[in-house]
C-alpha cells in the first residue's frame, strides 16, 4: 500500500534535521574536477536523493535548500543561490516518487525499483543542473554562458554517477532494513 509522500510528522522533522546536518557536514567531502572551475563530485548528492526517496518532497526540498545554503555559508563564506535552488528542486523531484519507490516500507528491491529510482534521479539532475543552475547563474550573477553550462553539465554527470552508485545502495540497504522492521511491527 502506497503511503502519502506529503506527510510531515515527527519522523519527517527528525529526518530533515539529521539530513540537513549530514548534508552540511558532507559539503567538504568532495572530489574537485580540476578542469571545470568550482565543480566537484559531491557525496552529499546521494544523501539528498536517499532522504528524498525515503521521506518525500518536503524533506528532500528542505534538506536541499537548507543543507546547501548552510554548507555554502559555513565552508565558502557566502551562499551561491543559483546552486542552492537546484539542490532543493532535485530533492523535491526525487521526493515526489517516494510513495511509489516504497523505500521506507521495504518495497525497494529488484531491477525495476533500481531502474525507476535512477530514471527519476537522472531526469531530476538534468533539470536541476543542466537547465536551472546555469539559467540562474546567468540571471542572478551574470555569469558567462559557456562556463555555467559546462559547470552544470559536469555537476549533473557527477551527481548522476554518485547517486546511481551510493544513493541506490543506501536505498536498497534501508529498504531491506525497513521491510524487516515493518514485518516485525505487523507480527506484534
N, C-alpha and C. Protein backbone atom coordinates (compact mmCIF):
# COMPACT_ATOMS: atom_id res chain seq x y z
N UNK A 1 0.84 -1.19 0.00
CA UNK A 1 0.00 0.00 0.00
C UNK A 1 0.88 1.24 0.00
N UNK A 2 0.58 2.17 -0.85
CA UNK A 2 1.38 3.38 -1.00
C UNK A 2 1.00 4.41 0.06
N UNK A 3 2.02 4.90 0.77
CA UNK A 3 1.78 5.93 1.79
C UNK A 3 1.93 7.30 1.16
N UNK A 4 1.29 8.28 1.76
CA UNK A 4 1.40 9.66 1.27
C UNK A 4 2.82 10.17 1.45
N UNK A 5 3.37 10.80 0.41
CA UNK A 5 4.71 11.35 0.50
C UNK A 5 4.68 12.79 1.02
N UNK A 6 3.50 13.31 1.30
CA UNK A 6 3.39 14.69 1.73
C UNK A 6 3.18 14.82 3.24
N UNK A 7 3.25 13.70 3.94
CA UNK A 7 3.12 13.70 5.39
C UNK A 7 4.34 14.42 5.99
N UNK A 8 4.11 15.19 7.04
CA UNK A 8 5.23 15.85 7.71
C UNK A 8 4.99 15.81 9.21
N UNK A 9 5.37 14.68 9.81
CA UNK A 9 5.22 14.48 11.25
C UNK A 9 6.57 14.48 11.94
N UNK A 10 6.61 13.88 13.11
CA UNK A 10 7.82 13.84 13.93
C UNK A 10 8.98 13.16 13.18
N UNK A 11 8.71 12.02 12.53
CA UNK A 11 9.77 11.31 11.80
C UNK A 11 10.36 12.19 10.71
N UNK A 12 9.52 12.93 10.02
CA UNK A 12 10.00 13.79 8.94
C UNK A 12 10.79 14.98 9.48
N UNK A 13 10.38 15.52 10.63
CA UNK A 13 11.12 16.62 11.25
C UNK A 13 12.52 16.14 11.65
N UNK A 14 12.58 14.98 12.27
CA UNK A 14 13.87 14.42 12.69
C UNK A 14 14.73 14.10 11.46
N UNK A 15 14.12 13.49 10.44
CA UNK A 15 14.86 13.17 9.21
C UNK A 15 15.39 14.44 8.55
N UNK A 16 14.60 15.50 8.55
CA UNK A 16 15.03 16.77 7.97
C UNK A 16 16.23 17.33 8.72
N UNK A 17 16.18 17.30 10.03
CA UNK A 17 17.29 17.83 10.85
C UNK A 17 18.56 17.00 10.64
N UNK A 18 18.42 15.69 10.70
CA UNK A 18 19.59 14.81 10.51
C UNK A 18 20.13 14.93 9.09
N UNK A 19 19.24 14.90 8.12
CA UNK A 19 19.66 15.01 6.72
C UNK A 19 20.35 16.32 6.42
N UNK A 20 19.83 17.41 6.96
CA UNK A 20 20.44 18.72 6.74
C UNK A 20 21.83 18.78 7.38
N UNK A 21 21.93 18.28 8.62
CA UNK A 21 23.24 18.29 9.30
C UNK A 21 24.26 17.44 8.54
N UNK A 22 23.86 16.27 8.09
CA UNK A 22 24.77 15.42 7.32
C UNK A 22 25.14 16.06 5.98
N UNK A 23 24.17 16.67 5.32
CA UNK A 23 24.41 17.35 4.05
C UNK A 23 25.46 18.46 4.23
N UNK A 24 25.30 19.24 5.29
CA UNK A 24 26.26 20.32 5.57
C UNK A 24 27.64 19.72 5.84
N UNK A 25 27.70 18.70 6.68
CA UNK A 25 28.98 18.08 7.02
C UNK A 25 29.67 17.51 5.79
N UNK A 26 28.90 16.97 4.87
CA UNK A 26 29.47 16.36 3.66
C UNK A 26 29.85 17.40 2.59
N UNK A 27 29.59 18.67 2.85
CA UNK A 27 29.96 19.72 1.90
C UNK A 27 31.46 19.69 1.62
N UNK A 28 32.25 19.41 2.64
CA UNK A 28 33.70 19.40 2.48
C UNK A 28 34.24 18.09 1.93
N UNK A 29 33.37 17.08 1.80
CA UNK A 29 33.78 15.79 1.24
C UNK A 29 33.47 15.83 -0.25
N UNK A 30 34.45 16.29 -1.01
CA UNK A 30 34.24 16.48 -2.44
C UNK A 30 35.53 16.17 -3.19
N UNK A 31 35.36 15.71 -4.41
CA UNK A 31 36.50 15.44 -5.28
C UNK A 31 36.45 16.49 -6.39
N UNK A 32 37.35 17.49 -6.34
CA UNK A 32 37.32 18.57 -7.34
C UNK A 32 37.53 18.06 -8.76
N UNK A 33 36.78 18.63 -9.67
CA UNK A 33 37.00 18.37 -11.10
C UNK A 33 37.90 19.50 -11.58
N UNK A 34 39.18 19.29 -11.58
CA UNK A 34 40.17 20.33 -11.85
C UNK A 34 40.00 21.05 -13.16
N UNK A 35 39.42 20.39 -14.14
CA UNK A 35 39.28 21.00 -15.46
C UNK A 35 38.03 21.87 -15.58
N UNK A 36 37.14 21.83 -14.60
CA UNK A 36 35.94 22.68 -14.58
C UNK A 36 35.97 23.46 -13.27
N UNK A 37 36.09 24.80 -13.33
CA UNK A 37 36.20 25.58 -12.09
C UNK A 37 34.97 25.47 -11.19
N UNK A 38 35.23 25.44 -9.88
CA UNK A 38 34.18 25.44 -8.85
C UNK A 38 33.18 24.30 -8.99
N UNK A 39 33.65 23.15 -9.46
CA UNK A 39 32.77 22.00 -9.64
C UNK A 39 33.49 20.77 -9.09
N UNK A 40 32.74 19.94 -8.33
CA UNK A 40 33.34 18.76 -7.70
C UNK A 40 32.31 17.65 -7.62
N UNK A 41 32.80 16.42 -7.50
CA UNK A 41 31.91 15.30 -7.21
C UNK A 41 31.50 15.41 -5.75
N UNK A 42 30.22 15.39 -5.48
CA UNK A 42 29.70 15.61 -4.13
C UNK A 42 28.95 14.37 -3.64
N UNK A 43 29.46 13.76 -2.58
CA UNK A 43 28.79 12.60 -1.98
C UNK A 43 27.43 13.01 -1.43
N UNK A 44 27.31 14.25 -1.03
CA UNK A 44 26.05 14.72 -0.43
C UNK A 44 24.87 14.60 -1.39
N UNK A 45 25.12 14.53 -2.69
CA UNK A 45 24.04 14.35 -3.66
C UNK A 45 23.32 13.02 -3.43
N UNK A 46 24.09 11.97 -3.12
CA UNK A 46 23.49 10.66 -2.85
C UNK A 46 22.67 10.70 -1.57
N UNK A 47 23.19 11.40 -0.57
CA UNK A 47 22.47 11.53 0.70
C UNK A 47 21.14 12.24 0.48
N UNK A 48 21.15 13.32 -0.29
CA UNK A 48 19.92 14.06 -0.58
C UNK A 48 18.91 13.17 -1.31
N UNK A 49 19.37 12.45 -2.32
CA UNK A 49 18.48 11.56 -3.07
C UNK A 49 17.88 10.49 -2.16
N UNK A 50 18.70 9.95 -1.29
CA UNK A 50 18.24 8.92 -0.35
C UNK A 50 17.17 9.46 0.59
N UNK A 51 17.43 10.58 1.26
CA UNK A 51 16.44 11.15 2.18
C UNK A 51 15.15 11.52 1.46
N UNK A 52 15.27 12.07 0.26
CA UNK A 52 14.08 12.42 -0.51
C UNK A 52 13.29 11.18 -0.89
N UNK A 53 13.98 10.12 -1.30
CA UNK A 53 13.31 8.88 -1.70
C UNK A 53 12.62 8.20 -0.52
N UNK A 54 13.15 8.39 0.67
CA UNK A 54 12.58 7.77 1.86
C UNK A 54 11.46 8.62 2.46
N UNK A 55 11.69 9.93 2.58
CA UNK A 55 10.78 10.78 3.34
C UNK A 55 9.94 11.75 2.53
N UNK A 56 10.15 11.84 1.22
CA UNK A 56 9.28 12.63 0.38
C UNK A 56 9.80 14.01 0.00
N UNK A 57 8.97 14.75 -0.75
CA UNK A 57 9.40 16.00 -1.36
C UNK A 57 9.64 17.16 -0.39
N UNK A 58 8.90 17.21 0.70
CA UNK A 58 9.08 18.30 1.66
C UNK A 58 10.44 18.14 2.34
N UNK A 59 10.74 16.94 2.81
CA UNK A 59 12.03 16.67 3.45
C UNK A 59 13.15 16.88 2.43
N UNK A 60 13.00 16.33 1.23
CA UNK A 60 14.03 16.49 0.20
C UNK A 60 14.27 17.95 -0.16
N UNK A 61 13.21 18.71 -0.30
CA UNK A 61 13.34 20.13 -0.64
C UNK A 61 14.02 20.93 0.46
N UNK A 62 13.64 20.67 1.71
CA UNK A 62 14.24 21.41 2.83
C UNK A 62 15.71 21.05 2.98
N UNK A 63 16.04 19.76 2.90
CA UNK A 63 17.44 19.35 3.03
C UNK A 63 18.27 19.98 1.90
N UNK A 64 17.75 19.93 0.68
CA UNK A 64 18.48 20.53 -0.44
C UNK A 64 18.69 22.02 -0.26
N UNK A 65 17.65 22.73 0.15
CA UNK A 65 17.73 24.18 0.33
C UNK A 65 18.58 24.56 1.55
N UNK A 66 18.18 24.08 2.71
CA UNK A 66 18.88 24.46 3.95
C UNK A 66 20.29 23.87 4.01
N UNK A 67 20.43 22.62 3.61
CA UNK A 67 21.74 21.98 3.67
C UNK A 67 22.75 22.64 2.76
N UNK A 68 22.33 22.95 1.54
CA UNK A 68 23.25 23.59 0.60
C UNK A 68 23.56 25.03 1.04
N UNK A 69 22.54 25.76 1.46
CA UNK A 69 22.76 27.15 1.90
C UNK A 69 23.68 27.20 3.11
N UNK A 70 23.43 26.36 4.10
CA UNK A 70 24.28 26.35 5.30
C UNK A 70 25.69 25.86 4.98
N UNK A 71 25.80 24.86 4.12
CA UNK A 71 27.12 24.37 3.71
C UNK A 71 27.92 25.45 3.02
N UNK A 72 27.28 26.17 2.11
CA UNK A 72 27.95 27.29 1.44
C UNK A 72 28.39 28.35 2.45
N UNK A 73 27.49 28.70 3.35
CA UNK A 73 27.79 29.76 4.33
C UNK A 73 28.94 29.35 5.25
N UNK A 74 28.90 28.14 5.76
CA UNK A 74 29.93 27.68 6.69
C UNK A 74 31.28 27.46 6.03
N UNK A 75 31.29 26.85 4.85
CA UNK A 75 32.56 26.43 4.25
C UNK A 75 33.10 27.37 3.18
N UNK A 76 32.22 28.17 2.59
CA UNK A 76 32.67 29.04 1.50
C UNK A 76 32.46 30.53 1.78
N UNK A 77 31.83 30.86 2.89
CA UNK A 77 31.68 32.24 3.29
C UNK A 77 30.55 33.01 2.61
N UNK A 78 29.82 32.38 1.75
CA UNK A 78 28.69 33.02 1.08
C UNK A 78 27.80 31.96 0.44
N UNK A 79 26.58 32.34 0.15
CA UNK A 79 25.61 31.39 -0.40
C UNK A 79 25.46 31.64 -1.90
N UNK A 80 25.66 30.61 -2.68
CA UNK A 80 25.51 30.68 -4.13
C UNK A 80 24.12 30.17 -4.48
N UNK A 81 23.13 31.07 -4.47
CA UNK A 81 21.72 30.70 -4.60
C UNK A 81 21.38 29.97 -5.90
N UNK A 82 22.14 30.26 -6.94
CA UNK A 82 21.84 29.60 -8.22
C UNK A 82 22.18 28.11 -8.19
N UNK A 83 22.87 27.66 -7.15
CA UNK A 83 23.13 26.23 -6.98
C UNK A 83 22.39 25.67 -5.77
N UNK A 84 21.95 26.52 -4.87
CA UNK A 84 21.14 26.08 -3.74
C UNK A 84 19.75 25.68 -4.23
N UNK A 85 19.14 26.52 -5.02
CA UNK A 85 17.78 26.28 -5.50
C UNK A 85 17.70 24.99 -6.32
N UNK A 86 18.64 24.69 -7.21
CA UNK A 86 18.58 23.41 -7.92
C UNK A 86 18.68 22.19 -7.00
N UNK A 87 19.46 22.28 -5.93
CA UNK A 87 19.50 21.15 -4.99
C UNK A 87 18.14 20.95 -4.33
N UNK A 88 17.46 22.05 -3.99
CA UNK A 88 16.11 21.93 -3.43
C UNK A 88 15.16 21.31 -4.45
N UNK A 89 15.25 21.76 -5.70
CA UNK A 89 14.40 21.19 -6.75
C UNK A 89 14.67 19.70 -6.92
N UNK A 90 15.94 19.31 -6.93
CA UNK A 90 16.31 17.91 -7.05
C UNK A 90 15.68 17.09 -5.91
N UNK A 91 15.78 17.59 -4.68
CA UNK A 91 15.18 16.90 -3.54
C UNK A 91 13.67 16.76 -3.66
N UNK A 92 13.03 17.80 -4.13
CA UNK A 92 11.57 17.76 -4.32
C UNK A 92 11.20 16.74 -5.39
N UNK A 93 11.88 16.79 -6.53
CA UNK A 93 11.54 15.89 -7.64
C UNK A 93 11.74 14.42 -7.28
N UNK A 94 12.86 14.10 -6.65
CA UNK A 94 13.07 12.71 -6.22
C UNK A 94 12.04 12.35 -5.15
N UNK A 95 11.78 13.27 -4.24
CA UNK A 95 10.82 13.03 -3.17
C UNK A 95 9.40 12.77 -3.64
N UNK A 96 9.04 13.34 -4.77
CA UNK A 96 7.69 13.12 -5.31
C UNK A 96 7.44 11.66 -5.65
N UNK A 97 8.50 10.89 -5.82
CA UNK A 97 8.36 9.47 -6.15
C UNK A 97 8.50 8.56 -4.93
N UNK A 98 8.64 9.14 -3.74
CA UNK A 98 8.89 8.34 -2.53
C UNK A 98 7.82 7.27 -2.31
N UNK A 99 6.57 7.61 -2.48
CA UNK A 99 5.49 6.63 -2.27
C UNK A 99 5.58 5.47 -3.24
N UNK A 100 5.88 5.77 -4.46
CA UNK A 100 5.99 4.73 -5.49
C UNK A 100 7.24 3.87 -5.29
N UNK A 101 8.35 4.49 -4.86
CA UNK A 101 9.58 3.74 -4.64
C UNK A 101 9.48 2.82 -3.42
N UNK A 102 8.71 3.22 -2.42
CA UNK A 102 8.47 2.42 -1.21
C UNK A 102 9.74 2.00 -0.49
N UNK A 103 10.74 2.87 -0.46
CA UNK A 103 12.00 2.57 0.23
C UNK A 103 11.72 2.39 1.72
N UNK A 104 10.96 3.28 2.28
CA UNK A 104 10.67 3.29 3.72
C UNK A 104 9.90 2.05 4.16
N UNK A 105 9.06 1.54 3.28
CA UNK A 105 8.20 0.42 3.62
C UNK A 105 8.85 -0.93 3.33
N UNK A 106 10.05 -0.92 2.75
CA UNK A 106 10.72 -2.17 2.44
C UNK A 106 10.42 -2.71 1.06
N UNK A 107 9.79 -1.90 0.22
CA UNK A 107 9.41 -2.36 -1.11
C UNK A 107 10.39 -2.02 -2.22
N UNK A 108 11.52 -1.43 -1.88
CA UNK A 108 12.52 -1.05 -2.88
C UNK A 108 13.48 -2.22 -3.05
N UNK A 109 13.21 -3.03 -4.07
CA UNK A 109 14.05 -4.21 -4.31
C UNK A 109 13.93 -4.59 -5.78
N UNK A 110 14.98 -5.14 -6.31
CA UNK A 110 14.96 -5.65 -7.67
C UNK A 110 15.29 -4.59 -8.71
N UNK A 111 15.42 -5.09 -9.95
CA UNK A 111 15.81 -4.23 -11.08
C UNK A 111 14.83 -3.09 -11.32
N UNK A 112 13.54 -3.39 -11.25
CA UNK A 112 12.52 -2.39 -11.56
C UNK A 112 12.63 -1.17 -10.63
N UNK A 113 12.82 -1.40 -9.33
CA UNK A 113 12.95 -0.31 -8.37
C UNK A 113 14.22 0.48 -8.62
N UNK A 114 15.32 -0.21 -8.84
CA UNK A 114 16.60 0.45 -9.07
C UNK A 114 16.55 1.28 -10.35
N UNK A 115 15.99 0.72 -11.40
CA UNK A 115 15.87 1.45 -12.67
C UNK A 115 14.95 2.66 -12.50
N UNK A 116 13.82 2.46 -11.83
CA UNK A 116 12.89 3.58 -11.61
C UNK A 116 13.52 4.72 -10.84
N UNK A 117 14.21 4.39 -9.76
CA UNK A 117 14.90 5.40 -8.95
C UNK A 117 15.91 6.15 -9.80
N UNK A 118 16.67 5.43 -10.59
CA UNK A 118 17.72 6.06 -11.38
C UNK A 118 17.20 6.86 -12.56
N UNK A 119 16.10 6.45 -13.14
CA UNK A 119 15.47 7.27 -14.20
C UNK A 119 15.03 8.60 -13.60
N UNK A 120 14.43 8.55 -12.42
CA UNK A 120 13.97 9.76 -11.74
C UNK A 120 15.16 10.65 -11.38
N UNK A 121 16.21 10.08 -10.80
CA UNK A 121 17.33 10.91 -10.37
C UNK A 121 18.07 11.51 -11.56
N UNK A 122 18.16 10.78 -12.66
CA UNK A 122 18.81 11.33 -13.86
C UNK A 122 17.99 12.51 -14.39
N UNK A 123 16.68 12.32 -14.51
CA UNK A 123 15.81 13.40 -15.01
C UNK A 123 15.88 14.62 -14.07
N UNK A 124 15.84 14.37 -12.76
CA UNK A 124 15.89 15.47 -11.78
C UNK A 124 17.24 16.19 -11.84
N UNK A 125 18.33 15.43 -11.98
CA UNK A 125 19.65 16.04 -12.11
C UNK A 125 19.77 16.86 -13.39
N UNK A 126 19.25 16.35 -14.48
CA UNK A 126 19.29 17.11 -15.74
C UNK A 126 18.55 18.43 -15.61
N UNK A 127 17.35 18.37 -15.06
CA UNK A 127 16.55 19.60 -14.90
C UNK A 127 17.24 20.58 -13.95
N UNK A 128 17.76 20.06 -12.83
CA UNK A 128 18.38 20.93 -11.82
C UNK A 128 19.68 21.54 -12.31
N UNK A 129 20.57 20.72 -12.90
CA UNK A 129 21.94 21.17 -13.16
C UNK A 129 22.23 21.58 -14.59
N UNK A 130 21.51 21.02 -15.55
CA UNK A 130 21.77 21.39 -16.94
C UNK A 130 20.85 22.54 -17.37
N UNK A 131 19.72 22.68 -16.69
CA UNK A 131 18.77 23.75 -17.05
C UNK A 131 18.76 24.85 -15.98
N UNK A 132 18.29 24.51 -14.77
CA UNK A 132 18.03 25.55 -13.77
C UNK A 132 19.29 26.25 -13.26
N UNK A 133 20.30 25.51 -12.85
CA UNK A 133 21.52 26.15 -12.29
C UNK A 133 22.17 27.11 -13.28
N UNK A 134 22.41 26.70 -14.54
CA UNK A 134 23.04 27.65 -15.46
C UNK A 134 22.17 28.89 -15.73
N UNK A 135 20.87 28.68 -15.86
CA UNK A 135 19.98 29.83 -16.10
C UNK A 135 20.02 30.78 -14.92
N UNK A 136 19.97 30.24 -13.71
CA UNK A 136 20.04 31.10 -12.52
C UNK A 136 21.40 31.78 -12.39
N UNK A 137 22.48 31.08 -12.76
CA UNK A 137 23.81 31.71 -12.75
C UNK A 137 23.84 32.93 -13.67
N UNK A 138 23.22 32.80 -14.82
CA UNK A 138 23.19 33.90 -15.80
C UNK A 138 22.30 35.03 -15.29
N UNK A 139 21.11 34.69 -14.82
CA UNK A 139 20.14 35.69 -14.40
C UNK A 139 20.57 36.40 -13.11
N UNK A 140 21.02 35.64 -12.11
CA UNK A 140 21.34 36.24 -10.81
C UNK A 140 22.73 36.86 -10.79
N UNK A 141 23.73 36.16 -11.36
CA UNK A 141 25.11 36.59 -11.20
C UNK A 141 25.78 37.06 -12.49
N UNK A 142 25.05 37.06 -13.60
CA UNK A 142 25.59 37.48 -14.90
C UNK A 142 26.86 36.71 -15.27
N UNK A 143 26.85 35.42 -14.97
CA UNK A 143 27.99 34.55 -15.28
C UNK A 143 28.05 34.28 -16.79
N UNK A 144 29.25 33.99 -17.31
CA UNK A 144 29.38 33.69 -18.75
C UNK A 144 28.64 32.40 -19.13
N UNK A 145 27.93 32.45 -20.23
CA UNK A 145 27.08 31.35 -20.67
C UNK A 145 27.86 30.04 -20.82
N UNK A 146 28.97 30.07 -21.56
CA UNK A 146 29.73 28.84 -21.80
C UNK A 146 30.19 28.20 -20.50
N UNK A 147 30.66 29.01 -19.57
CA UNK A 147 31.17 28.50 -18.29
C UNK A 147 30.07 27.81 -17.50
N UNK A 148 28.91 28.43 -17.35
CA UNK A 148 27.87 27.89 -16.48
C UNK A 148 27.24 26.62 -17.05
N UNK A 149 27.12 26.53 -18.35
CA UNK A 149 26.55 25.30 -18.91
C UNK A 149 27.55 24.15 -18.82
N UNK A 150 28.84 24.43 -18.93
CA UNK A 150 29.86 23.40 -18.73
C UNK A 150 29.85 22.93 -17.27
N UNK A 151 29.81 23.89 -16.34
CA UNK A 151 29.75 23.54 -14.92
C UNK A 151 28.50 22.71 -14.62
N UNK A 152 27.38 23.14 -15.12
CA UNK A 152 26.12 22.43 -14.88
C UNK A 152 26.14 21.02 -15.43
N UNK A 153 26.69 20.86 -16.64
CA UNK A 153 26.75 19.53 -17.25
C UNK A 153 27.65 18.59 -16.45
N UNK A 154 28.81 19.07 -16.01
CA UNK A 154 29.71 18.23 -15.23
C UNK A 154 29.16 17.95 -13.84
N UNK A 155 28.50 18.93 -13.23
CA UNK A 155 27.87 18.69 -11.93
C UNK A 155 26.78 17.63 -12.07
N UNK A 156 26.01 17.72 -13.12
CA UNK A 156 24.95 16.74 -13.40
C UNK A 156 25.55 15.35 -13.55
N UNK A 157 26.56 15.22 -14.39
CA UNK A 157 27.18 13.91 -14.62
C UNK A 157 27.74 13.33 -13.32
N UNK A 158 28.45 14.15 -12.55
CA UNK A 158 28.98 13.68 -11.27
C UNK A 158 27.89 13.24 -10.32
N UNK A 159 26.83 14.02 -10.21
CA UNK A 159 25.72 13.67 -9.33
C UNK A 159 25.03 12.39 -9.78
N UNK A 160 24.82 12.26 -11.08
CA UNK A 160 24.17 11.06 -11.60
C UNK A 160 24.97 9.82 -11.22
N UNK A 161 26.29 9.88 -11.38
CA UNK A 161 27.13 8.73 -11.08
C UNK A 161 27.10 8.42 -9.57
N UNK A 162 27.27 9.43 -8.75
CA UNK A 162 27.30 9.22 -7.30
C UNK A 162 25.96 8.73 -6.78
N UNK A 163 24.87 9.31 -7.26
CA UNK A 163 23.54 8.88 -6.82
C UNK A 163 23.24 7.47 -7.32
N UNK A 164 23.65 7.18 -8.56
CA UNK A 164 23.40 5.84 -9.11
C UNK A 164 24.09 4.76 -8.27
N UNK A 165 25.27 5.05 -7.80
CA UNK A 165 26.01 4.06 -7.01
C UNK A 165 25.62 4.12 -5.54
N UNK A 166 25.98 5.23 -4.90
CA UNK A 166 25.79 5.33 -3.45
C UNK A 166 24.32 5.50 -3.06
N UNK A 167 23.59 6.32 -3.80
CA UNK A 167 22.17 6.52 -3.50
C UNK A 167 21.37 5.24 -3.64
N UNK A 168 21.65 4.48 -4.69
CA UNK A 168 20.97 3.20 -4.89
C UNK A 168 21.29 2.23 -3.76
N UNK A 169 22.57 2.16 -3.37
CA UNK A 169 22.96 1.26 -2.28
C UNK A 169 22.30 1.66 -0.96
N UNK A 170 22.24 2.96 -0.68
CA UNK A 170 21.57 3.43 0.54
C UNK A 170 20.09 3.04 0.53
N UNK A 171 19.43 3.25 -0.60
CA UNK A 171 18.00 2.90 -0.70
C UNK A 171 17.77 1.40 -0.55
N UNK A 172 18.61 0.60 -1.20
CA UNK A 172 18.47 -0.86 -1.09
C UNK A 172 18.67 -1.32 0.35
N UNK A 173 19.72 -0.82 0.99
CA UNK A 173 20.01 -1.21 2.38
C UNK A 173 18.93 -0.78 3.34
N UNK A 174 18.50 0.45 3.22
CA UNK A 174 17.46 0.97 4.12
C UNK A 174 16.14 0.24 3.91
N UNK A 175 15.81 -0.02 2.66
CA UNK A 175 14.56 -0.70 2.36
C UNK A 175 14.56 -2.11 2.92
N UNK A 176 15.71 -2.77 2.82
CA UNK A 176 15.82 -4.12 3.38
C UNK A 176 15.60 -4.09 4.88
N UNK A 177 16.20 -3.10 5.55
CA UNK A 177 16.01 -2.95 7.00
C UNK A 177 14.59 -2.51 7.31
N UNK A 178 14.04 -1.58 6.50
CA UNK A 178 12.68 -1.08 6.72
C UNK A 178 11.65 -2.17 6.53
N UNK A 179 11.88 -3.03 5.57
CA UNK A 179 10.96 -4.14 5.33
C UNK A 179 10.93 -5.10 6.50
N UNK A 180 12.09 -5.37 7.07
CA UNK A 180 12.16 -6.26 8.24
C UNK A 180 11.47 -5.61 9.43
N UNK A 181 11.69 -4.30 9.63
CA UNK A 181 11.06 -3.60 10.75
C UNK A 181 9.54 -3.59 10.58
N UNK A 182 9.07 -3.38 9.35
CA UNK A 182 7.62 -3.36 9.09
C UNK A 182 7.00 -4.72 9.38
N UNK A 183 7.67 -5.80 8.96
CA UNK A 183 7.11 -7.13 9.19
C UNK A 183 7.11 -7.48 10.67
N UNK A 184 8.09 -7.00 11.44
CA UNK A 184 8.12 -7.24 12.87
C UNK A 184 6.99 -6.48 13.56
N UNK A 185 6.69 -5.26 13.11
CA UNK A 185 5.62 -4.48 13.69
C UNK A 185 4.27 -5.14 13.42
N UNK A 186 4.10 -5.74 12.25
CA UNK A 186 2.83 -6.40 11.91
C UNK A 186 2.60 -7.64 12.77
N UNK A 187 3.70 -8.31 13.19
CA UNK A 187 3.57 -9.51 13.99
C UNK A 187 3.13 -9.19 15.42
N UNK A 188 3.44 -7.98 15.89
CA UNK A 188 3.09 -7.61 17.29
C UNK A 188 1.63 -7.45 17.50
